């Protein structure tokens, strides 16, 4: 099963895009390839919407997985 998660992508010019994706590893690999050749990267979010991102204009990417996180002092 794919590892779902959230991507927060910042482009030059202080714009950010936050996407919930079904396969976080595939999305990261697609972004990496787009940065290398400065092409337009198309990502599909968990709702089925497509987002085009210019790979050469990325400032940073934050990857958040949907793993359960414990809250409080218990382990």
PDB file of N, CA and C in Angstrom:
ATOM      1  N   UNK A   1       0.836  -1.178   0.000  1.00  0.00           N
ATOM      2  CA  UNK A   1       0.000   0.000   0.000  1.00  0.00           C
ATOM      3  C   UNK A   1       0.878   1.237   0.000  1.00  0.00           C
ATOM      4  N   UNK A   2       0.475   2.251  -0.704  1.00  0.00           N
ATOM      5  CA  UNK A   2       1.233   3.483  -0.802  1.00  0.00           C
ATOM      6  C   UNK A   2       1.200   4.244   0.519  1.00  0.00           C
ATOM      7  N   UNK A   3       2.238   5.027   0.752  1.00  0.00           N
ATOM      8  CA  UNK A   3       2.347   5.822   1.966  1.00  0.00           C
ATOM      9  C   UNK A   3       1.766   7.201   1.706  1.00  0.00           C
ATOM     10  N   UNK A   4       0.561   7.459   2.186  1.00  0.00           N
ATOM     11  CA  UNK A   4      -0.096   8.746   1.981  1.00  0.00           C
ATOM     12  C   UNK A   4       0.558   9.794   2.862  1.00  0.00           C
ATOM     13  N   UNK A   5       0.448  11.039   2.454  1.00  0.00           N
ATOM     14  CA  UNK A   5       1.011  12.118   3.246  1.00  0.00           C
ATOM     15  C   UNK A   5       0.661  13.460   2.664  1.00  0.00           C
ATOM     16  N   UNK A   6       1.273  14.480   3.217  1.00  0.00           N
ATOM     17  CA  UNK A   6       1.009  15.852   2.808  1.00  0.00           C
ATOM     18  C   UNK A   6       2.309  16.476   2.339  1.00  0.00           C
ATOM     19  N   UNK A   7       2.251  17.208   1.232  1.00  0.00           N
ATOM     20  CA  UNK A   7       3.389  17.967   0.722  1.00  0.00           C
ATOM     21  C   UNK A   7       3.085  19.445   0.863  1.00  0.00           C
ATOM     22  N   UNK A   8       4.039  20.205   1.359  1.00  0.00           N
ATOM     23  CA  UNK A   8       3.938  21.659   1.326  1.00  0.00           C
ATOM     24  C   UNK A   8       5.061  22.125   0.431  1.00  0.00           C
ATOM     25  N   UNK A   9       4.702  22.744  -0.701  1.00  0.00           N
ATOM     26  CA  UNK A   9       5.656  23.105  -1.734  1.00  0.00           C
ATOM     27  C   UNK A   9       5.707  24.627  -1.822  1.00  0.00           C
ATOM     28  N   UNK A  10       6.901  25.189  -1.739  1.00  0.00           N
ATOM     29  CA  UNK A  10       7.066  26.638  -1.862  1.00  0.00           C
ATOM     30  C   UNK A  10       7.759  26.950  -3.173  1.00  0.00           C
ATOM     31  N   UNK A  11       7.212  27.916  -3.893  1.00  0.00           N
ATOM     32  CA  UNK A  11       7.808  28.370  -5.130  1.00  0.00           C
ATOM     33  C   UNK A  11       8.461  29.724  -4.897  1.00  0.00           C
ATOM     34  N   UNK A  12       9.372  30.095  -5.784  1.00  0.00           N
ATOM     35  CA  UNK A  12       9.981  31.417  -5.711  1.00  0.00           C
ATOM     36  C   UNK A  12       8.878  32.458  -5.715  1.00  0.00           C
ATOM     37  N   UNK A  13       9.046  33.518  -4.957  1.00  0.00           N
ATOM     38  CA  UNK A  13       8.027  34.550  -4.885  1.00  0.00           C
ATOM     39  C   UNK A  13       7.088  34.356  -3.710  1.00  0.00           C
ATOM     40  N   UNK A  14       7.458  33.513  -2.739  1.00  0.00           N
ATOM     41  CA  UNK A  14       6.707  33.312  -1.499  1.00  0.00           C
ATOM     42  C   UNK A  14       5.317  32.723  -1.707  1.00  0.00           C
ATOM     43  N   UNK A  15       5.159  31.858  -2.659  1.00  0.00           N
ATOM     44  CA  UNK A  15       3.895  31.138  -2.850  1.00  0.00           C
ATOM     45  C   UNK A  15       4.056  29.730  -2.337  1.00  0.00           C
ATOM     46  N   UNK A  16       3.034  29.241  -1.649  1.00  0.00           N
ATOM     47  CA  UNK A  16       3.051  27.866  -1.156  1.00  0.00           C
ATOM     48  C   UNK A  16       1.814  27.119  -1.607  1.00  0.00           C
ATOM     49  N   UNK A  17       1.982  25.829  -1.817  1.00  0.00           N
ATOM     50  CA  UNK A  17       0.907  24.941  -2.216  1.00  0.00           C
ATOM     51  C   UNK A  17       0.962  23.740  -1.275  1.00  0.00           C
ATOM     52  N   UNK A  18      -0.173  23.378  -0.683  1.00  0.00           N
ATOM     53  CA  UNK A  18      -0.221  22.223   0.206  1.00  0.00           C
ATOM     54  C   UNK A  18      -1.106  21.162  -0.419  1.00  0.00           C
ATOM     55  N   UNK A  19      -0.560  19.962  -0.591  1.00  0.00           N
ATOM     56  CA  UNK A  19      -1.282  18.867  -1.243  1.00  0.00           C
ATOM     57  C   UNK A  19      -1.320  17.643  -0.355  1.00  0.00           C
ATOM     58  N   UNK A  20      -2.476  17.008  -0.239  1.00  0.00           N
ATOM     59  CA  UNK A  20      -2.590  15.678   0.342  1.00  0.00           C
ATOM     60  C   UNK A  20      -2.482  14.699  -0.812  1.00  0.00           C
ATOM     61  N   UNK A  21      -1.489  13.811  -0.750  1.00  0.00           N
ATOM     62  CA  UNK A  21      -1.268  12.858  -1.834  1.00  0.00           C
ATOM     63  C   UNK A  21      -1.370  11.439  -1.306  1.00  0.00           C
ATOM     64  N   UNK A  22      -1.738  10.505  -2.185  1.00  0.00           N
ATOM     65  CA  UNK A  22      -1.897   9.108  -1.797  1.00  0.00           C
ATOM     66  C   UNK A  22      -0.567   8.361  -1.743  1.00  0.00           C
ATOM     67  N   UNK A  23       0.406   8.767  -2.573  1.00  0.00           N
ATOM     68  CA  UNK A  23       1.715   8.101  -2.607  1.00  0.00           C
ATOM     69  C   UNK A  23       2.805   9.169  -2.493  1.00  0.00           C
ATOM     70  N   UNK A  24       3.240   9.411  -1.277  1.00  0.00           N
ATOM     71  CA  UNK A  24       4.193  10.484  -1.002  1.00  0.00           C
ATOM     72  C   UNK A  24       5.537  10.233  -1.679  1.00  0.00           C
ATOM     73  N   UNK A  25       5.997   8.981  -1.707  1.00  0.00           N
ATOM     74  CA  UNK A  25       7.298   8.673  -2.310  1.00  0.00           C
ATOM     75  C   UNK A  25       7.287   8.930  -3.816  1.00  0.00           C
ATOM     76  N   UNK A  26       6.204   8.578  -4.484  1.00  0.00           N
ATOM     77  CA  UNK A  26       6.096   8.828  -5.919  1.00  0.00           C
ATOM     78  C   UNK A  26       6.056  10.329  -6.203  1.00  0.00           C
ATOM     79  N   UNK A  27       5.359  11.087  -5.352  1.00  0.00           N
ATOM     80  CA  UNK A  27       5.287  12.536  -5.534  1.00  0.00           C
ATOM     81  C   UNK A  27       6.652  13.184  -5.364  1.00  0.00           C
ATOM     82  N   UNK A  28       7.405  12.742  -4.365  1.00  0.00           N
ATOM     83  CA  UNK A  28       8.749  13.284  -4.138  1.00  0.00           C
ATOM     84  C   UNK A  28       9.662  12.947  -5.317  1.00  0.00           C
ATOM     85  N   UNK A  29       9.602  11.729  -5.806  1.00  0.00           N
ATOM     86  CA  UNK A  29      10.426  11.334  -6.952  1.00  0.00           C
ATOM     87  C   UNK A  29      10.085  12.167  -8.188  1.00  0.00           C
ATOM     88  N   UNK A  30       8.804  12.432  -8.399  1.00  0.00           N
ATOM     89  CA  UNK A  30       8.376  13.248  -9.528  1.00  0.00           C
ATOM     90  C   UNK A  30       8.911  14.667  -9.398  1.00  0.00           C
ATOM     91  N   UNK A  31       8.848  15.231  -8.192  1.00  0.00           N
ATOM     92  CA  UNK A  31       9.384  16.579  -7.960  1.00  0.00           C
ATOM     93  C   UNK A  31      10.891  16.624  -8.188  1.00  0.00           C
ATOM     94  N   UNK A  32      11.614  15.612  -7.715  1.00  0.00           N
ATOM     95  CA  UNK A  32      13.062  15.569  -7.905  1.00  0.00           C
ATOM     96  C   UNK A  32      13.427  15.550  -9.385  1.00  0.00           C
ATOM     97  N   UNK A  33      12.702  14.763 -10.170  1.00  0.00           N
ATOM     98  CA  UNK A  33      12.969  14.698 -11.606  1.00  0.00           C
ATOM     99  C   UNK A  33      12.673  16.039 -12.271  1.00  0.00           C
ATOM    100  N   UNK A  34      11.615  16.717 -11.844  1.00  0.00           N
ATOM    101  CA  UNK A  34      11.271  18.011 -12.412  1.00  0.00           C
ATOM    102  C   UNK A  34      12.279  19.090 -12.091  1.00  0.00           C
ATOM    103  N   UNK A  35      12.894  19.021 -10.913  1.00  0.00           N
ATOM    104  CA  UNK A  35      13.918  19.998 -10.540  1.00  0.00           C
ATOM    105  C   UNK A  35      15.161  19.795 -11.390  1.00  0.00           C
ATOM    106  N   UNK A  36      15.521  18.543 -11.632  1.00  0.00           N
ATOM    107  CA  UNK A  36      16.726  18.247 -12.412  1.00  0.00           C
ATOM    108  C   UNK A  36      16.652  18.801 -13.829  1.00  0.00           C
ATOM    109  N   UNK A  37      15.507  18.654 -14.494  1.00  0.00           N
ATOM    110  CA  UNK A  37      15.417  19.137 -15.881  1.00  0.00           C
ATOM    111  C   UNK A  37      14.557  20.395 -16.027  1.00  0.00           C
ATOM    112  N   UNK A  38      14.169  21.001 -14.884  1.00  0.00           N
ATOM    113  CA  UNK A  38      13.401  22.251 -14.856  1.00  0.00           C
ATOM    114  C   UNK A  38      12.134  22.189 -15.710  1.00  0.00           C
ATOM    115  N   UNK A  39      11.463  21.032 -15.675  1.00  0.00           N
ATOM    116  CA  UNK A  39      10.238  20.853 -16.446  1.00  0.00           C
ATOM    117  C   UNK A  39       9.018  21.129 -15.567  1.00  0.00           C
ATOM    118  N   UNK A  40       7.850  21.111 -16.187  1.00  0.00           N
ATOM    119  CA  UNK A  40       6.609  21.228 -15.429  1.00  0.00           C
ATOM    120  C   UNK A  40       6.277  19.851 -14.861  1.00  0.00           C
ATOM    121  N   UNK A  41       6.028  19.822 -13.570  1.00  0.00           N
ATOM    122  CA  UNK A  41       5.693  18.586 -12.865  1.00  0.00           C
ATOM    123  C   UNK A  41       4.197  18.600 -12.600  1.00  0.00           C
ATOM    124  N   UNK A  42       3.532  17.489 -12.891  1.00  0.00           N
ATOM    125  CA  UNK A  42       2.101  17.371 -12.619  1.00  0.00           C
ATOM    126  C   UNK A  42       1.916  16.393 -11.481  1.00  0.00           C
ATOM    127  N   UNK A  43       1.290  16.870 -10.399  1.00  0.00           N
ATOM    128  CA  UNK A  43       0.975  16.028  -9.256  1.00  0.00           C
ATOM    129  C   UNK A  43      -0.538  15.957  -9.100  1.00  0.00           C
ATOM    130  N   UNK A  44      -1.035  14.793  -8.723  1.00  0.00           N
ATOM    131  CA  UNK A  44      -2.461  14.598  -8.483  1.00  0.00           C
ATOM    132  C   UNK A  44      -2.668  14.419  -6.987  1.00  0.00           C
ATOM    133  N   UNK A  45      -3.548  15.243  -6.421  1.00  0.00           N
ATOM    134  CA  UNK A  45      -3.798  15.141  -4.981  1.00  0.00           C
ATOM    135  C   UNK A  45      -4.796  14.026  -4.696  1.00  0.00           C
ATOM    136  N   UNK A  46      -5.083  13.811  -3.419  1.00  0.00           N
ATOM    137  CA  UNK A  46      -5.948  12.694  -3.024  1.00  0.00           C
ATOM    138  C   UNK A  46      -7.397  12.866  -3.466  1.00  0.00           C
ATOM    139  N   UNK A  47      -7.790  14.090  -3.865  1.00  0.00           N
ATOM    140  CA  UNK A  47      -9.148  14.322  -4.377  1.00  0.00           C
ATOM    141  C   UNK A  47      -9.226  14.141  -5.891  1.00  0.00           C
ATOM    142  N   UNK A  48      -8.071  13.934  -6.542  1.00  0.00           N
ATOM    143  CA  UNK A  48      -8.047  13.750  -7.989  1.00  0.00           C
ATOM    144  C   UNK A  48      -7.746  15.021  -8.760  1.00  0.00           C
ATOM    145  N   UNK A  49      -7.521  16.148  -8.075  1.00  0.00           N
ATOM    146  CA  UNK A  49      -7.176  17.399  -8.762  1.00  0.00           C
ATOM    147  C   UNK A  49      -5.707  17.374  -9.170  1.00  0.00           C
ATOM    148  N   UNK A  50      -5.412  17.895 -10.364  1.00  0.00           N
ATOM    149  CA  UNK A  50      -4.040  17.940 -10.870  1.00  0.00           C
ATOM    150  C   UNK A  50      -3.462  19.334 -10.675  1.00  0.00           C
ATOM    151  N   UNK A  51      -2.182  19.375 -10.300  1.00  0.00           N
ATOM    152  CA  UNK A  51      -1.492  20.633 -10.046  1.00  0.00           C
ATOM    153  C   UNK A  51      -0.190  20.635 -10.832  1.00  0.00           C
ATOM    154  N   UNK A  52       0.019  21.663 -11.646  1.00  0.00           N
ATOM    155  CA  UNK A  52       1.247  21.813 -12.413  1.00  0.00           C
ATOM    156  C   UNK A  52       2.210  22.736 -11.687  1.00  0.00           C
ATOM    157  N   UNK A  53       3.445  22.278 -11.510  1.00  0.00           N
ATOM    158  CA  UNK A  53       4.467  23.024 -10.785  1.00  0.00           C
ATOM    159  C   UNK A  53       5.712  23.088 -11.659  1.00  0.00           C
ATOM    160  N   UNK A  54       6.290  24.268 -11.792  1.00  0.00           N
ATOM    161  CA  UNK A  54       7.519  24.421 -12.569  1.00  0.00           C
ATOM    162  C   UNK A  54       8.682  23.974 -11.689  1.00  0.00           C
ATOM    163  N   UNK A  55       9.333  22.896 -12.081  1.00  0.00           N
ATOM    164  CA  UNK A  55      10.398  22.302 -11.271  1.00  0.00           C
ATOM    165  C   UNK A  55      11.543  23.238 -10.973  1.00  0.00           C
ATOM    166  N   UNK A  56      11.889  24.118 -11.893  1.00  0.00           N
ATOM    167  CA  UNK A  56      13.002  25.033 -11.695  1.00  0.00           C
ATOM    168  C   UNK A  56      12.689  26.201 -10.785  1.00  0.00           C
ATOM    169  N   UNK A  57      11.458  26.334 -10.332  1.00  0.00           N
ATOM    170  CA  UNK A  57      11.053  27.462  -9.494  1.00  0.00           C
ATOM    171  C   UNK A  57      10.785  27.075  -8.037  1.00  0.00           C
ATOM    172  N   UNK A  58      11.114  25.846  -7.658  1.00  0.00           N
ATOM    173  CA  UNK A  58      10.870  25.400  -6.284  1.00  0.00           C
ATOM    174  C   UNK A  58      11.864  26.039  -5.321  1.00  0.00           C
ATOM    175  N   UNK A  59      11.365  26.485  -4.172  1.00  0.00           N
ATOM    176  CA  UNK A  59      12.224  27.006  -3.118  1.00  0.00           C
ATOM    177  C   UNK A  59      12.491  25.912  -2.079  1.00  0.00           C
ATOM    178  N   UNK A  60      11.429  25.211  -1.634  1.00  0.00           N
ATOM    179  CA  UNK A  60      11.595  24.085  -0.722  1.00  0.00           C
ATOM    180  C   UNK A  60      10.355  23.203  -0.767  1.00  0.00           C
ATOM    181  N   UNK A  61      10.501  21.988  -0.241  1.00  0.00           N
ATOM    182  CA  UNK A  61       9.403  21.030  -0.135  1.00  0.00           C
ATOM    183  C   UNK A  61       9.437  20.429   1.265  1.00  0.00           C
ATOM    184  N   UNK A  62       8.302  20.404   1.940  1.00  0.00           N
ATOM    185  CA  UNK A  62       8.174  19.765   3.250  1.00  0.00           C
ATOM    186  C   UNK A  62       7.319  18.516   3.065  1.00  0.00           C
ATOM    187  N   UNK A  63       7.801  17.393   3.555  1.00  0.00           N
ATOM    188  CA  UNK A  63       7.083  16.131   3.432  1.00  0.00           C
ATOM    189  C   UNK A  63       6.593  15.725   4.813  1.00  0.00           C
ATOM    190  N   UNK A  64       5.284  15.577   4.964  1.00  0.00           N
ATOM    191  CA  UNK A  64       4.689  15.136   6.222  1.00  0.00           C
ATOM    192  C   UNK A  64       3.964  13.823   5.967  1.00  0.00           C
ATOM    193  N   UNK A  65       4.349  12.787   6.687  1.00  0.00           N
ATOM    194  CA  UNK A  65       3.658  11.512   6.519  1.00  0.00           C
ATOM    195  C   UNK A  65       2.431  11.491   7.416  1.00  0.00           C
ATOM    196  N   UNK A  66       1.516  10.600   7.132  1.00  0.00           N
ATOM    197  CA  UNK A  66       0.282  10.481   7.914  1.00  0.00           C
ATOM    198  C   UNK A  66       0.399   9.405   8.984  1.00  0.00           C
ATOM    199  N   UNK A  67       1.619   9.116   9.448  1.00  0.00           N
ATOM    200  CA  UNK A  67       1.799   8.110  10.482  1.00  0.00           C
ATOM    201  C   UNK A  67       1.173   8.604  11.778  1.00  0.00           C
ATOM    202  N   UNK A  68       0.668   7.664  12.569  1.00  0.00           N
ATOM    203  CA  UNK A  68       0.090   8.025  13.860  1.00  0.00           C
ATOM    204  C   UNK A  68       1.177   8.585  14.763  1.00  0.00           C
ATOM    205  N   UNK A  69       0.862   9.690  15.407  1.00  0.00           N
ATOM    206  CA  UNK A  69       1.802  10.308  16.336  1.00  0.00           C
ATOM    207  C   UNK A  69       1.211  10.225  17.727  1.00  0.00           C
ATOM    208  N   UNK A  70       2.050   9.834  18.691  1.00  0.00           N
ATOM    209  CA  UNK A  70       1.551   9.774  20.069  1.00  0.00           C
ATOM    210  C   UNK A  70       1.521  11.180  20.661  1.00  0.00           C
ATOM    211  N   UNK A  71       0.525  11.421  21.488  1.00  0.00           N
ATOM    212  CA  UNK A  71       0.350  12.713  22.125  1.00  0.00           C
ATOM    213  C   UNK A  71       0.433  12.509  23.632  1.00  0.00           C
ATOM    214  N   UNK A  72       1.135  13.378  24.309  1.00  0.00           N
ATOM    215  CA  UNK A  72       1.251  13.259  25.761  1.00  0.00           C
ATOM    216  C   UNK A  72       2.595  12.708  26.154  1.00  0.00           C
ATOM    217  N   UNK A  73       2.665  12.227  27.385  1.00  0.00           N
ATOM    218  CA  UNK A  73       3.937  11.762  27.923  1.00  0.00           C
ATOM    219  C   UNK A  73       4.114  10.248  27.818  1.00  0.00           C
ATOM    220  N   UNK A  74       3.081   9.511  27.498  1.00  0.00           N
ATOM    221  CA  UNK A  74       3.180   8.069  27.387  1.00  0.00           C
ATOM    222  C   UNK A  74       3.931   7.629  26.151  1.00  0.00           C
ATOM    223  N   UNK A  75       4.476   6.443  26.203  1.00  0.00           N
ATOM    224  CA  UNK A  75       5.212   5.942  25.046  1.00  0.00           C
ATOM    225  C   UNK A  75       4.529   4.773  24.464  1.00  0.00           C
TER     226      UNK A  75
END
